[in-house]
Amino acid sequence: MVLFVEYPKCSTCQKAKKWLLENQVEFEDRHIVEDNPSKEELKVWYEKSGLPLKRFFNTSGMKYKELKLKDKLPDMTEEEQLELLASDGMLVKRPVLVGDNFVLTGFKEKEWTEKLN
């Protein structure tokens, strides 16, 4: 079973959830705002993903733009970035799919198919 972290009103999350159901993937569903990932969880996911930490930020979100993070992130430490992500689920790129040996951010059908098959 995988962990599917989503914001239900997000159209990309809706597409991803539909894909999981159609492909009969067992998943635990988690609302990213009501149950925001902790700093510790985010650190584990980041390390497991092999992705740059910036890929965990919802760079197209209003909150990201309001806080002018495009300019601030390069000067922030990894620790500060993780704390910021843990402070507000709307800053986190979604959906997040967490498996035993992988973490994916955003929904790319080809990437998800490769990891889940």
Protein backbone atom coordinates (compact mmCIF):
# COMPACT_ATOMS: atom_id res chain seq x y z
CA MET A 1 0.00 0.00 0.00
CA VAL A 2 1.17 3.53 -0.80
CA LEU A 3 0.44 6.84 0.88
CA PHE A 4 -1.38 9.34 -1.35
CA VAL A 5 -1.11 12.89 -0.01
CA GLU A 6 -3.52 15.24 -1.76
CA TYR A 7 -5.58 18.39 -1.74
CA PRO A 8 -9.03 17.16 -2.85
CA LYS A 9 -9.92 20.39 -4.72
CA CYS A 10 -6.77 20.17 -6.86
CA SER A 11 -7.57 18.92 -10.38
CA THR A 12 -4.19 17.18 -10.69
CA CYS A 13 -4.84 15.33 -7.43
CA GLN A 14 -8.28 14.32 -8.68
CA LYS A 15 -6.72 12.94 -11.88
CA ALA A 16 -4.08 11.07 -9.90
CA LYS A 17 -6.65 9.57 -7.52
CA LYS A 18 -8.79 8.44 -10.46
CA TRP A 19 -5.68 6.83 -12.00
CA LEU A 20 -4.89 5.00 -8.73
CA LEU A 21 -8.46 3.67 -8.53
CA GLU A 22 -8.55 2.64 -12.20
CA ASN A 23 -5.24 0.81 -11.78
CA GLN A 24 -6.43 -0.85 -8.58
CA VAL A 25 -3.59 0.55 -6.49
CA GLU A 26 -4.24 0.25 -2.76
CA PHE A 27 -3.57 3.56 -1.06
CA GLU A 28 -4.04 5.45 2.16
CA ASP A 29 -5.54 8.86 1.45
CA ARG A 30 -4.32 11.92 3.37
CA HIS A 31 -5.55 15.53 3.10
CA ILE A 32 -2.47 17.75 2.87
CA VAL A 33 -4.03 20.73 4.64
CA GLU A 34 -5.91 18.91 7.40
CA ASP A 35 -2.94 16.61 8.07
CA ASN A 36 0.11 18.51 6.85
CA PRO A 37 3.32 16.47 6.67
CA SER A 38 5.69 17.10 9.57
CA LYS A 39 9.22 18.36 9.12
CA GLU A 40 10.51 14.88 9.99
CA GLU A 41 8.25 13.20 7.40
CA LEU A 42 9.24 15.70 4.75
CA LYS A 43 12.93 15.11 5.47
CA VAL A 44 12.50 11.33 5.09
CA TRP A 45 10.49 11.78 1.86
CA TYR A 46 13.04 14.22 0.47
CA GLU A 47 15.94 11.86 1.20
CA LYS A 48 14.05 8.84 -0.17
CA SER A 49 13.01 10.69 -3.35
CA GLY A 50 16.47 11.66 -4.59
CA LEU A 51 14.85 14.89 -5.84
CA PRO A 52 16.04 18.43 -5.17
CA LEU A 53 14.16 19.90 -2.20
CA LYS A 54 12.73 22.62 -4.45
CA ARG A 55 10.63 19.92 -6.17
CA PHE A 56 8.64 19.59 -2.95
CA PHE A 57 7.45 23.20 -3.21
CA ASN A 58 4.21 24.06 -4.99
CA THR A 59 5.87 26.74 -7.12
CA SER A 60 2.64 27.57 -8.95
CA GLY A 61 0.65 28.06 -5.74
CA MET A 62 -0.60 31.41 -4.45
CA LYS A 63 1.08 30.95 -1.08
CA TYR A 64 4.48 30.36 -2.74
CA LYS A 65 4.05 33.54 -4.77
CA GLU A 66 2.70 35.60 -1.84
CA LEU A 67 5.77 34.73 0.22
CA LYS A 68 8.06 35.49 -2.76
CA LEU A 69 9.79 32.17 -2.22
CA LYS A 70 11.32 32.13 -5.70
CA ASP A 71 13.72 34.79 -4.44
CA LYS A 72 14.06 33.54 -0.86
CA LEU A 73 14.58 29.76 -1.28
CA PRO A 74 18.13 29.97 -2.68
CA ASP A 75 19.28 31.73 0.52
CA MET A 76 17.49 29.36 2.90
CA THR A 77 19.10 26.34 4.51
CA GLU A 78 17.65 22.87 3.95
CA GLU A 79 16.43 22.94 7.56
CA GLU A 80 14.63 26.26 7.04
CA GLN A 81 13.02 25.00 3.83
CA LEU A 82 11.75 21.85 5.56
CA GLU A 83 10.33 23.93 8.43
CA LEU A 84 8.58 26.18 5.92
CA LEU A 85 7.07 23.21 4.04
CA ALA A 86 5.86 21.72 7.33
CA SER A 87 4.22 25.02 8.31
CA ASP A 88 1.59 24.98 5.54
CA GLY A 89 0.32 22.12 3.36
CA MET A 90 -0.47 24.57 0.56
CA LEU A 91 3.26 25.10 0.05
CA VAL A 92 3.82 21.41 -0.71
CA LYS A 93 3.75 20.15 -4.31
CA ARG A 94 0.93 17.72 -4.71
CA PRO A 95 0.00 15.04 -4.97
CA VAL A 96 2.76 13.23 -3.12
CA LEU A 97 2.93 9.46 -3.53
CA VAL A 98 5.00 7.61 -0.93
CA GLY A 99 5.95 3.96 -1.38
CA ASP A 100 8.37 1.71 0.48
CA ASN A 101 11.32 2.72 -1.69
CA PHE A 102 10.16 5.81 -3.59
CA VAL A 103 8.53 9.22 -3.28
CA LEU A 104 6.96 11.05 -6.23
CA THR A 105 5.74 14.65 -6.33
CA GLY A 106 3.16 15.83 -8.83
CA PHE A 107 1.32 13.45 -11.14
CA LYS A 108 3.19 12.13 -14.16
CA GLU A 109 1.37 9.02 -15.34
CA LYS A 110 4.44 7.43 -16.95
CA GLU A 111 6.53 7.93 -13.80
CA TRP A 112 3.78 6.53 -11.56
CA THR A 113 3.28 3.52 -13.84
CA GLU A 114 7.01 2.72 -13.74
CA LYS A 115 7.18 2.94 -9.93
CA LEU A 116 4.01 1.00 -9.23
CA ASN A 117 4.52 -1.90 -11.66
